[in-house]
Amino acid sequence: TVAERRRLAAGLESLPAVRRVFPSGANFLLVELRDA
C-alpha cells in the first residue's frame, strides 16, 4: 500500500485537474483540485 501510495501520488500530480497532492503517512492522500 505504501508503494502504491507513492505511485498514485505521482499519477495524480501529473494530472491537469490536480493542483496539489499533500504529503501523507497514511493509506490515503489529500488532493487539492481545480474543480472539486
Full PDB file with SEQRES, HELIX, SHEET, SSBOND, CRYST1, ORIGX, SCALE, CONECT and MASTER records, all heavy atoms in Angstrom:
SEQRES   1 A   36  THR VAL ALA GLU ARG ARG ARG LEU ALA ALA GLY LEU GLU          
SEQRES   2 A   36  SER LEU PRO ALA VAL ARG ARG VAL PHE PRO SER GLY ALA          
SEQRES   3 A   36  ASN PHE LEU LEU VAL GLU LEU ARG ASP ALA                      
HELIX    1 AA1 VAL A    2  GLU A   13  1                                  12    
SHEET    1 AA1 2 VAL A  18  VAL A  21  0                                        
SHEET    2 AA1 2 VAL A  31  LEU A  33 -1                                        
CRYST1    1.000    1.000    1.000  90.00  90.00  90.00 P 1           1          
ORIGX1      1.000000  0.000000  0.000000        0.00000                         
ORIGX2      0.000000  1.000000  0.000000        0.00000                         
ORIGX3      0.000000  0.000000  1.000000        0.00000                         
SCALE1      1.000000  0.000000  0.000000        0.00000                         
SCALE2      0.000000  1.000000  0.000000        0.00000                         
SCALE3      0.000000  0.000000  1.000000        0.00000                         
ATOM      1  N   THR A   1       0.834  -1.210   0.000  1.00  0.00           N  
ATOM      2  CA  THR A   1       0.000   0.000   0.000  1.00  0.00           C  
ATOM      3  C   THR A   1       0.866   1.256   0.000  1.00  0.00           C  
ATOM      4  O   THR A   1       0.561   2.229  -0.695  1.00  0.00           O  
ATOM      5  CB  THR A   1      -0.930  -0.005   1.215  1.00  0.00           C  
ATOM      6  OG1 THR A   1      -1.799  -1.148   1.142  1.00  0.00           O  
ATOM      7  CG2 THR A   1      -1.778   1.258   1.272  1.00  0.00           C  
ATOM      8  N   VAL A   2       1.950   1.244   0.780  1.00  0.00           N  
ATOM      9  CA  VAL A   2       2.844   2.406   0.826  1.00  0.00           C  
ATOM     10  C   VAL A   2       3.474   2.639  -0.551  1.00  0.00           C  
ATOM     11  O   VAL A   2       3.565   3.786  -1.019  1.00  0.00           O  
ATOM     12  CB  VAL A   2       3.920   2.218   1.912  1.00  0.00           C  
ATOM     13  CG1 VAL A   2       5.000   3.286   1.812  1.00  0.00           C  
ATOM     14  CG2 VAL A   2       3.274   2.246   3.298  1.00  0.00           C  
ATOM     15  N   ALA A   3       3.902   1.561  -1.203  1.00  0.00           N  
ATOM     16  CA  ALA A   3       4.473   1.704  -2.552  1.00  0.00           C  
ATOM     17  C   ALA A   3       3.422   2.219  -3.526  1.00  0.00           C  
ATOM     18  O   ALA A   3       3.707   3.078  -4.369  1.00  0.00           O  
ATOM     19  CB  ALA A   3       5.029   0.362  -3.021  1.00  0.00           C  
ATOM     20  N   GLU A   4       2.216   1.723  -3.412  1.00  0.00           N  
ATOM     21  CA  GLU A   4       1.133   2.165  -4.298  1.00  0.00           C  
ATOM     22  C   GLU A   4       0.740   3.601  -3.997  1.00  0.00           C  
ATOM     23  O   GLU A   4       0.347   4.354  -4.910  1.00  0.00           O  
ATOM     24  CB  GLU A   4      -0.066   1.228  -4.141  1.00  0.00           C  
ATOM     25  CG  GLU A   4      -1.195   1.467  -5.117  1.00  0.00           C  
ATOM     26  CD  GLU A   4      -0.826   1.234  -6.570  1.00  0.00           C  
ATOM     27  OE1 GLU A   4       0.242   0.653  -6.849  1.00  0.00           O  
ATOM     28  OE2 GLU A   4      -1.625   1.651  -7.441  1.00  0.00           O  
ATOM     29  N   ARG A   5       0.851   4.022  -2.726  1.00  0.00           N  
ATOM     30  CA  ARG A   5       0.587   5.422  -2.371  1.00  0.00           C  
ATOM     31  C   ARG A   5       1.528   6.355  -3.123  1.00  0.00           C  
ATOM     32  O   ARG A   5       1.112   7.391  -3.654  1.00  0.00           O  
ATOM     33  CB  ARG A   5       0.754   5.605  -0.866  1.00  0.00           C  
ATOM     34  CG  ARG A   5       0.475   7.017  -0.350  1.00  0.00           C  
ATOM     35  CD  ARG A   5       0.747   7.103   1.140  1.00  0.00           C  
ATOM     36  NE  ARG A   5       2.168   7.028   1.447  1.00  0.00           N  
ATOM     37  CZ  ARG A   5       2.671   6.673   2.630  1.00  0.00           C  
ATOM     38  NH1 ARG A   5       1.867   6.336   3.625  1.00  0.00           N  
ATOM     39  NH2 ARG A   5       3.979   6.633   2.823  1.00  0.00           N  
ATOM     40  N   ARG A   6       2.812   5.985  -3.185  1.00  0.00           N  
ATOM     41  CA  ARG A   6       3.780   6.800  -3.920  1.00  0.00           C  
ATOM     42  C   ARG A   6       3.437   6.852  -5.410  1.00  0.00           C  
ATOM     43  O   ARG A   6       3.501   7.920  -6.041  1.00  0.00           O  
ATOM     44  CB  ARG A   6       5.193   6.243  -3.713  1.00  0.00           C  
ATOM     45  CG  ARG A   6       5.729   6.414  -2.294  1.00  0.00           C  
ATOM     46  CD  ARG A   6       7.222   6.122  -2.245  1.00  0.00           C  
ATOM     47  NE  ARG A   6       7.493   4.695  -2.455  1.00  0.00           N  
ATOM     48  CZ  ARG A   6       7.647   3.823  -1.477  1.00  0.00           C  
ATOM     49  NH1 ARG A   6       7.544   4.216  -0.212  1.00  0.00           N  
ATOM     50  NH2 ARG A   6       7.908   2.554  -1.730  1.00  0.00           N  
ATOM     51  N   ARG A   7       3.082   5.721  -5.980  1.00  0.00           N  
ATOM     52  CA  ARG A   7       2.752   5.674  -7.405  1.00  0.00           C  
ATOM     53  C   ARG A   7       1.498   6.482  -7.700  1.00  0.00           C  
ATOM     54  O   ARG A   7       1.438   7.238  -8.685  1.00  0.00           O  
ATOM     55  CB  ARG A   7       2.560   4.223  -7.853  1.00  0.00           C  
ATOM     56  CG  ARG A   7       2.450   4.045  -9.356  1.00  0.00           C  
ATOM     57  CD  ARG A   7       2.151   2.613  -9.716  1.00  0.00           C  
ATOM     58  NE  ARG A   7       0.756   2.273  -9.433  1.00  0.00           N  
ATOM     59  CZ  ARG A   7      -0.254   2.509 -10.277  1.00  0.00           C  
ATOM     60  NH1 ARG A   7      -0.041   3.122 -11.430  1.00  0.00           N  
ATOM     61  NH2 ARG A   7      -1.498   2.164  -9.953  1.00  0.00           N  
ATOM     62  N   LEU A   8       0.481   6.347  -6.845  1.00  0.00           N  
ATOM     63  CA  LEU A   8      -0.759   7.088  -7.050  1.00  0.00           C  
ATOM     64  C   LEU A   8      -0.515   8.586  -6.920  1.00  0.00           C  
ATOM     65  O   LEU A   8      -1.054   9.385  -7.700  1.00  0.00           O  
ATOM     66  CB  LEU A   8      -1.813   6.627  -6.042  1.00  0.00           C  
ATOM     67  CG  LEU A   8      -3.158   7.344  -6.075  1.00  0.00           C  
ATOM     68  CD1 LEU A   8      -3.824   7.212  -7.436  1.00  0.00           C  
ATOM     69  CD2 LEU A   8      -4.077   6.820  -4.971  1.00  0.00           C  
ATOM     70  N   ALA A   9       0.277   8.983  -5.921  1.00  0.00           N  
ATOM     71  CA  ALA A   9       0.574  10.404  -5.746  1.00  0.00           C  
ATOM     72  C   ALA A   9       1.239  10.977  -6.992  1.00  0.00           C  
ATOM     73  O   ALA A   9       0.894  12.076  -7.458  1.00  0.00           O  
ATOM     74  CB  ALA A   9       1.463  10.605  -4.526  1.00  0.00           C  
ATOM     75  N   ALA A  10       2.191  10.240  -7.550  1.00  0.00           N  
ATOM     76  CA  ALA A  10       2.870  10.713  -8.764  1.00  0.00           C  
ATOM     77  C   ALA A  10       1.886  10.813  -9.924  1.00  0.00           C  
ATOM     78  O   ALA A  10       1.930  11.777 -10.714  1.00  0.00           O  
ATOM     79  CB  ALA A  10       4.021   9.775  -9.108  1.00  0.00           C  
ATOM     80  N   GLY A  11       0.992   9.837 -10.045  1.00  0.00           N  
ATOM     81  CA  GLY A  11      -0.001   9.879 -11.109  1.00  0.00           C  
ATOM     82  C   GLY A  11      -0.948  11.055 -10.974  1.00  0.00           C  
ATOM     83  O   GLY A  11      -1.281  11.732 -11.957  1.00  0.00           O  
ATOM     84  N   LEU A  12      -1.370  11.335  -9.747  1.00  0.00           N  
ATOM     85  CA  LEU A  12      -2.273  12.463  -9.513  1.00  0.00           C  
ATOM     86  C   LEU A  12      -1.581  13.797  -9.795  1.00  0.00           C  
ATOM     87  O   LEU A  12      -2.171  14.703 -10.379  1.00  0.00           O  
ATOM     88  CB  LEU A  12      -2.780  12.426  -8.071  1.00  0.00           C  
ATOM     89  CG  LEU A  12      -3.770  11.305  -7.736  1.00  0.00           C  
ATOM     90  CD1 LEU A  12      -3.900  11.140  -6.228  1.00  0.00           C  
ATOM     91  CD2 LEU A  12      -5.128  11.573  -8.359  1.00  0.00           C  
ATOM     92  N   GLU A  13      -0.327  13.899  -9.388  1.00  0.00           N  
ATOM     93  CA  GLU A  13       0.397  15.154  -9.593  1.00  0.00           C  
ATOM     94  C   GLU A  13       0.581  15.492 -11.073  1.00  0.00           C  
ATOM     95  O   GLU A  13       0.775  16.657 -11.433  1.00  0.00           O  
ATOM     96  CB  GLU A  13       1.763  15.082  -8.897  1.00  0.00           C  
ATOM     97  CG  GLU A  13       1.653  15.162  -7.374  1.00  0.00           C  
ATOM     98  CD  GLU A  13       2.968  14.851  -6.676  1.00  0.00           C  
ATOM     99  OE1 GLU A  13       3.846  14.213  -7.310  1.00  0.00           O  
ATOM    100  OE2 GLU A  13       3.108  15.228  -5.495  1.00  0.00           O  
ATOM    101  N   SER A  14       0.498  14.489 -11.917  1.00  0.00           N  
ATOM    102  CA  SER A  14       0.681  14.718 -13.354  1.00  0.00           C  
ATOM    103  C   SER A  14      -0.596  15.167 -14.056  1.00  0.00           C  
ATOM    104  O   SER A  14      -0.547  15.536 -15.232  1.00  0.00           O  
ATOM    105  CB  SER A  14       1.186  13.431 -14.022  1.00  0.00           C  
ATOM    106  OG  SER A  14       0.153  12.446 -14.072  1.00  0.00           O  
ATOM    107  N   LEU A  15      -1.713  15.171 -13.339  1.00  0.00           N  
ATOM    108  CA  LEU A  15      -2.991  15.487 -13.968  1.00  0.00           C  
ATOM    109  C   LEU A  15      -3.243  16.992 -13.988  1.00  0.00           C  
ATOM    110  O   LEU A  15      -3.039  17.672 -12.977  1.00  0.00           O  
ATOM    111  CB  LEU A  15      -4.128  14.785 -13.223  1.00  0.00           C  
ATOM    112  CG  LEU A  15      -4.090  13.252 -13.173  1.00  0.00           C  
ATOM    113  CD1 LEU A  15      -5.275  12.721 -12.386  1.00  0.00           C  
ATOM    114  CD2 LEU A  15      -4.081  12.664 -14.571  1.00  0.00           C  
ATOM    115  N   PRO A  16      -3.739  17.521 -15.120  1.00  0.00           N  
ATOM    116  CA  PRO A  16      -4.055  18.952 -15.192  1.00  0.00           C  
ATOM    117  C   PRO A  16      -5.118  19.389 -14.188  1.00  0.00           C  
ATOM    118  O   PRO A  16      -5.127  20.544 -13.752  1.00  0.00           O  
ATOM    119  CB  PRO A  16      -4.553  19.131 -16.629  1.00  0.00           C  
ATOM    120  CG  PRO A  16      -3.981  17.978 -17.378  1.00  0.00           C  
ATOM    121  CD  PRO A  16      -3.917  16.841 -16.414  1.00  0.00           C  
ATOM    122  N   ALA A  17      -6.015  18.475 -13.792  1.00  0.00           N  
ATOM    123  CA  ALA A  17      -7.102  18.830 -12.873  1.00  0.00           C  
ATOM    124  C   ALA A  17      -6.639  18.945 -11.424  1.00  0.00           C  
ATOM    125  O   ALA A  17      -7.381  19.430 -10.575  1.00  0.00           O  
ATOM    126  CB  ALA A  17      -8.223  17.795 -12.966  1.00  0.00           C  
ATOM    127  N   VAL A  18      -5.405  18.526 -11.148  1.00  0.00           N  
ATOM    128  CA  VAL A  18      -4.896  18.492  -9.778  1.00  0.00           C  
ATOM    129  C   VAL A  18      -3.943  19.664  -9.547  1.00  0.00           C  
ATOM    130  O   VAL A  18      -3.007  19.878 -10.316  1.00  0.00           O  
ATOM    131  CB  VAL A  18      -4.173  17.159  -9.497  1.00  0.00           C  
ATOM    132  CG1 VAL A  18      -3.482  17.191  -8.131  1.00  0.00           C  
ATOM    133  CG2 VAL A  18      -5.174  16.002  -9.546  1.00  0.00           C  
ATOM    134  N   ARG A  19      -4.192  20.390  -8.467  1.00  0.00           N  
ATOM    135  CA  ARG A  19      -3.295  21.479  -8.083  1.00  0.00           C  
ATOM    136  C   ARG A  19      -2.155  20.973  -7.196  1.00  0.00           C  
ATOM    137  O   ARG A  19      -1.012  21.386  -7.337  1.00  0.00           O  
ATOM    138  CB  ARG A  19      -4.062  22.563  -7.320  1.00  0.00           C  
ATOM    139  CG  ARG A  19      -4.907  23.487  -8.172  1.00  0.00           C  
ATOM    140  CD  ARG A  19      -5.132  24.812  -7.410  1.00  0.00           C  
ATOM    141  NE  ARG A  19      -6.068  25.673  -8.112  1.00  0.00           N  
ATOM    142  CZ  ARG A  19      -7.329  25.880  -7.748  1.00  0.00           C  
ATOM    143  NH1 ARG A  19      -7.806  25.255  -6.688  1.00  0.00           N  
ATOM    144  NH2 ARG A  19      -8.100  26.688  -8.432  1.00  0.00           N  
ATOM    145  N   ARG A  20      -2.502  20.103  -6.237  1.00  0.00           N  
ATOM    146  CA  ARG A  20      -1.507  19.694  -5.258  1.00  0.00           C  
ATOM    147  C   ARG A  20      -1.892  18.382  -4.596  1.00  0.00           C  
ATOM    148  O   ARG A  20      -3.074  18.134  -4.340  1.00  0.00           O  
ATOM    149  CB  ARG A  20      -1.369  20.789  -4.190  1.00  0.00           C  
ATOM    150  CG  ARG A  20      -0.285  20.536  -3.167  1.00  0.00           C  
ATOM    151  CD  ARG A  20      -0.202  21.693  -2.173  1.00  0.00           C  
ATOM    152  NE  ARG A  20       0.854  21.479  -1.206  1.00  0.00           N  
ATOM    153  CZ  ARG A  20       1.076  22.240  -0.132  1.00  0.00           C  
ATOM    154  NH1 ARG A  20       0.299  23.293   0.080  1.00  0.00           N  
ATOM    155  NH2 ARG A  20       2.050  21.984   0.700  1.00  0.00           N  
ATOM    156  N   VAL A  21      -0.895  17.561  -4.334  1.00  0.00           N  
ATOM    157  CA  VAL A  21      -1.070  16.355  -3.524  1.00  0.00           C  
ATOM    158  C   VAL A  21      -0.249  16.557  -2.255  1.00  0.00           C  
ATOM    159  O   VAL A  21       0.969  16.754  -2.315  1.00  0.00           O  
ATOM    160  CB  VAL A  21      -0.609  15.090  -4.270  1.00  0.00           C  
ATOM    161  CG1 VAL A  21      -0.764  13.864  -3.378  1.00  0.00           C  
ATOM    162  CG2 VAL A  21      -1.384  14.915  -5.574  1.00  0.00           C  
ATOM    163  N   PHE A  22      -0.897  16.531  -1.112  1.00  0.00           N  
ATOM    164  CA  PHE A  22      -0.204  16.792   0.151  1.00  0.00           C  
ATOM    165  C   PHE A  22       0.570  15.556   0.618  1.00  0.00           C  
ATOM    166  O   PHE A  22       0.159  14.418   0.339  1.00  0.00           O  
ATOM    167  CB  PHE A  22      -1.206  17.216   1.223  1.00  0.00           C  
ATOM    168  CG  PHE A  22      -1.800  18.576   0.985  1.00  0.00           C  
ATOM    169  CD1 PHE A  22      -2.984  18.718   0.286  1.00  0.00           C  
ATOM    170  CD2 PHE A  22      -1.151  19.715   1.447  1.00  0.00           C  
ATOM    171  CE1 PHE A  22      -3.528  19.970   0.049  1.00  0.00           C  
ATOM    172  CE2 PHE A  22      -1.683  20.976   1.215  1.00  0.00           C  
ATOM    173  CZ  PHE A  22      -2.876  21.107   0.507  1.00  0.00           C  
ATOM    174  N   PRO A  23       1.672  15.743   1.332  1.00  0.00           N  
ATOM    175  CA  PRO A  23       2.413  14.599   1.880  1.00  0.00           C  
ATOM    176  C   PRO A  23       1.508  13.774   2.797  1.00  0.00           C  
ATOM    177  O   PRO A  23       0.668  14.324   3.517  1.00  0.00           O  
ATOM    178  CB  PRO A  23       3.549  15.257   2.671  1.00  0.00           C  
ATOM    179  CG  PRO A  23       3.654  16.645   2.138  1.00  0.00           C  
ATOM    180  CD  PRO A  23       2.277  17.038   1.702  1.00  0.00           C  
ATOM    181  N   SER A  24       1.706  12.468   2.787  1.00  0.00           N  
ATOM    182  CA  SER A  24       0.864  11.593   3.608  1.00  0.00           C  
ATOM    183  C   SER A  24       1.666  10.440   4.175  1.00  0.00           C  
ATOM    184  O   SER A  24       2.478   9.823   3.476  1.00  0.00           O  
ATOM    185  CB  SER A  24      -0.302  11.033   2.774  1.00  0.00           C  
ATOM    186  OG  SER A  24      -1.045  10.091   3.524  1.00  0.00           O  
ATOM    187  N   GLY A  25       1.422  10.144   5.444  1.00  0.00           N  
ATOM    188  CA  GLY A  25       1.989   8.963   6.075  1.00  0.00           C  
ATOM    189  C   GLY A  25       0.935   7.911   6.334  1.00  0.00           C  
ATOM    190  O   GLY A  25       1.160   6.981   7.114  1.00  0.00           O  
ATOM    191  N   ALA A  26      -0.213   8.032   5.662  1.00  0.00           N  
ATOM    192  CA  ALA A  26      -1.348   7.124   5.897  1.00  0.00           C  
ATOM    193  C   ALA A  26      -1.658   6.319   4.637  1.00  0.00           C  
ATOM    194  O   ALA A  26      -0.868   6.290   3.690  1.00  0.00           O  
ATOM    195  CB  ALA A  26      -2.560   7.938   6.347  1.00  0.00           C  
ATOM    196  N   ASN A  27      -2.811   5.686   4.606  1.00  0.00           N  
ATOM    197  CA  ASN A  27      -3.215   4.913   3.427  1.00  0.00           C  
ATOM    198  C   ASN A  27      -4.167   5.722   2.552  1.00  0.00           C  
ATOM    199  O   ASN A  27      -5.029   5.165   1.868  1.00  0.00           O  
ATOM    200  CB  ASN A  27      -3.866   3.595   3.837  1.00  0.00           C  
ATOM    201  CG  ASN A  27      -5.212   3.785   4.516  1.00  0.00           C  
ATOM    202  OD1 ASN A  27      -5.449   4.829   5.132  1.00  0.00           O  
ATOM    203  ND2 ASN A  27      -6.078   2.790   4.415  1.00  0.00           N  
ATOM    204  N   PHE A  28      -4.005   7.040   2.571  1.00  0.00           N  
ATOM    205  CA  PHE A  28      -4.831   7.931   1.761  1.00  0.00           C  
ATOM    206  C   PHE A  28      -4.021   9.168   1.400  1.00  0.00           C  
ATOM    207  O   PHE A  28      -2.947   9.419   1.960  1.00  0.00           O  
ATOM    208  CB  PHE A  28      -6.110   8.322   2.511  1.00  0.00           C  
ATOM    209  CG  PHE A  28      -5.864   8.995   3.833  1.00  0.00           C  
ATOM    210  CD1 PHE A  28      -5.572  10.359   3.902  1.00  0.00           C  
ATOM    211  CD2 PHE A  28      -5.905   8.275   5.019  1.00  0.00           C  
ATOM    212  CE1 PHE A  28      -5.323  10.976   5.114  1.00  0.00           C  
ATOM    213  CE2 PHE A  28      -5.656   8.889   6.235  1.00  0.00           C  
ATOM    214  CZ  PHE A  28      -5.369  10.244   6.287  1.00  0.00           C  
ATOM    215  N   LEU A  29      -4.565   9.935   0.468  1.00  0.00           N  
ATOM    216  CA  LEU A  29      -3.939  11.173   0.025  1.00  0.00           C  
ATOM    217  C   LEU A  29      -4.967  12.297   0.056  1.00  0.00           C  
ATOM    218  O   LEU A  29      -6.108  12.094  -0.371  1.00  0.00           O  
ATOM    219  CB  LEU A  29      -3.402  11.032  -1.403  1.00  0.00           C  
ATOM    220  CG  LEU A  29      -2.269  10.022  -1.604  1.00  0.00           C  
ATOM    221  CD1 LEU A  29      -2.111   9.691  -3.091  1.00  0.00           C  
ATOM    222  CD2 LEU A  29      -0.965  10.549  -1.030  1.00  0.00           C  
ATOM    223  N   LEU A  30      -4.571  13.448   0.554  1.00  0.00           N  
ATOM    224  CA  LEU A  30      -5.401  14.643   0.446  1.00  0.00           C  
ATOM    225  C   LEU A  30      -4.962  15.377  -0.817  1.00  0.00           C  
ATOM    226  O   LEU A  30      -3.775  15.683  -0.979  1.00  0.00           O  
ATOM    227  CB  LEU A  30      -5.227  15.539   1.673  1.00  0.00           C  
ATOM    228  CG  LEU A  30      -6.136  16.779   1.704  1.00  0.00           C  
ATOM    229  CD1 LEU A  30      -7.593  16.371   1.901  1.00  0.00           C  
ATOM    230  CD2 LEU A  30      -5.700  17.751   2.794  1.00  0.00           C  
ATOM    231  N   VAL A  31      -5.929  15.660  -1.679  1.00  0.00           N  
ATOM    232  CA  VAL A  31      -5.627  16.198  -3.007  1.00  0.00           C  
ATOM    233  C   VAL A  31      -6.401  17.489  -3.219  1.00  0.00           C  
ATOM    234  O   VAL A  31      -7.626  17.524  -3.069  1.00  0.00           O  
ATOM    235  CB  VAL A  31      -5.995  15.174  -4.108  1.00  0.00           C  
ATOM    236  CG1 VAL A  31      -5.647  15.718  -5.484  1.00  0.00           C  
ATOM    237  CG2 VAL A  31      -5.274  13.844  -3.855  1.00  0.00           C  
ATOM    238  N   GLU A  32      -5.677  18.548  -3.559  1.00  0.00           N  
ATOM    239  CA  GLU A  32      -6.305  19.832  -3.895  1.00  0.00           C  
ATOM    240  C   GLU A  32      -6.579  19.859  -5.393  1.00  0.00           C  
ATOM    241  O   GLU A  32      -5.668  19.625  -6.204  1.00  0.00           O  
ATOM    242  CB  GLU A  32      -5.375  20.973  -3.497  1.00  0.00           C  
ATOM    243  CG  GLU A  32      -5.956  22.352  -3.720  1.00  0.00           C  
ATOM    244  CD  GLU A  32      -4.996  23.449  -3.316  1.00  0.00           C  
ATOM    245  OE1 GLU A  32      -4.368  23.320  -2.233  1.00  0.00           O  
ATOM    246  OE2 GLU A  32      -4.863  24.431  -4.082  1.00  0.00           O  
ATOM    247  N   LEU A  33      -7.827  20.151  -5.756  1.00  0.00           N  
ATOM    248  CA  LEU A  33      -8.257  20.091  -7.152  1.00  0.00           C  
ATOM    249  C   LEU A  33      -8.618  21.473  -7.682  1.00  0.00           C  
ATOM    250  O   LEU A  33      -8.946  22.389  -6.920  1.00  0.00           O  
ATOM    251  CB  LEU A  33      -9.481  19.170  -7.277  1.00  0.00           C  
ATOM    252  CG  LEU A  33      -9.246  17.706  -6.886  1.00  0.00           C  
ATOM    253  CD1 LEU A  33     -10.577  17.009  -6.675  1.00  0.00           C  
ATOM    254  CD2 LEU A  33      -8.429  16.991  -7.952  1.00  0.00           C  
ATOM    255  N   ARG A  34      -8.603  21.613  -8.983  1.00  0.00           N  
ATOM    256  CA  ARG A  34      -9.052  22.862  -9.603  1.00  0.00           C  
ATOM    257  C   ARG A  34     -10.569  22.992  -9.531  1.00  0.00           C  
ATOM    258  O   ARG A  34     -11.092  24.103  -9.421  1.00  0.00           O  
ATOM    259  CB  ARG A  34      -8.570  22.932 -11.060  1.00  0.00           C  
ATOM    260  CG  ARG A  34      -7.062  22.919 -11.186  1.00  0.00           C  
ATOM    261  CD  ARG A  34      -6.612  23.132 -12.619  1.00  0.00           C  
ATOM    262  NE  ARG A  34      -5.160  23.008 -12.700  1.00  0.00           N  
ATOM    263  CZ  ARG A  34      -4.305  23.972 -12.398  1.00  0.00           C  
ATOM    264  NH1 ARG A  34      -4.765  25.138 -11.978  1.00  0.00           N  
ATOM    265  NH2 ARG A  34      -3.011  23.786 -12.506  1.00  0.00           N  
ATOM    266  N   ASP A  35     -11.264  21.878  -9.565  1.00  0.00           N  
ATOM    267  CA  ASP A  35     -12.726  21.893  -9.503  1.00  0.00           C  
ATOM    268  C   ASP A  35     -13.187  20.626  -8.799  1.00  0.00           C  
ATOM    269  O   ASP A  35     -13.440  19.601  -9.437  1.00  0.00           O  
ATOM    270  CB  ASP A  35     -13.313  21.979 -10.918  1.00  0.00           C  
ATOM    271  CG  ASP A  35     -14.824  22.218 -10.919  1.00  0.00           C  
ATOM    272  OD1 ASP A  35     -15.462  21.954  -9.881  1.00  0.00           O  
ATOM    273  OD2 ASP A  35     -15.360  22.655 -11.948  1.00  0.00           O  
ATOM    274  N   ALA A  36     -13.281  20.695  -7.465  1.00  0.00           N  
ATOM    275  CA  ALA A  36     -13.640  19.511  -6.684  1.00  0.00           C  
ATOM    276  C   ALA A  36     -15.031  18.982  -7.016  1.00  0.00           C  
ATOM    277  O   ALA A  36     -15.207  17.769  -7.178  1.00  0.00           O  
ATOM    278  CB  ALA A  36     -13.513  19.800  -5.189  1.00  0.00           C  
TER     279      ALA A  36                                                      
MASTER        0    0    0    1    2    0    0    6  278    1    0    3          
END                                                                             
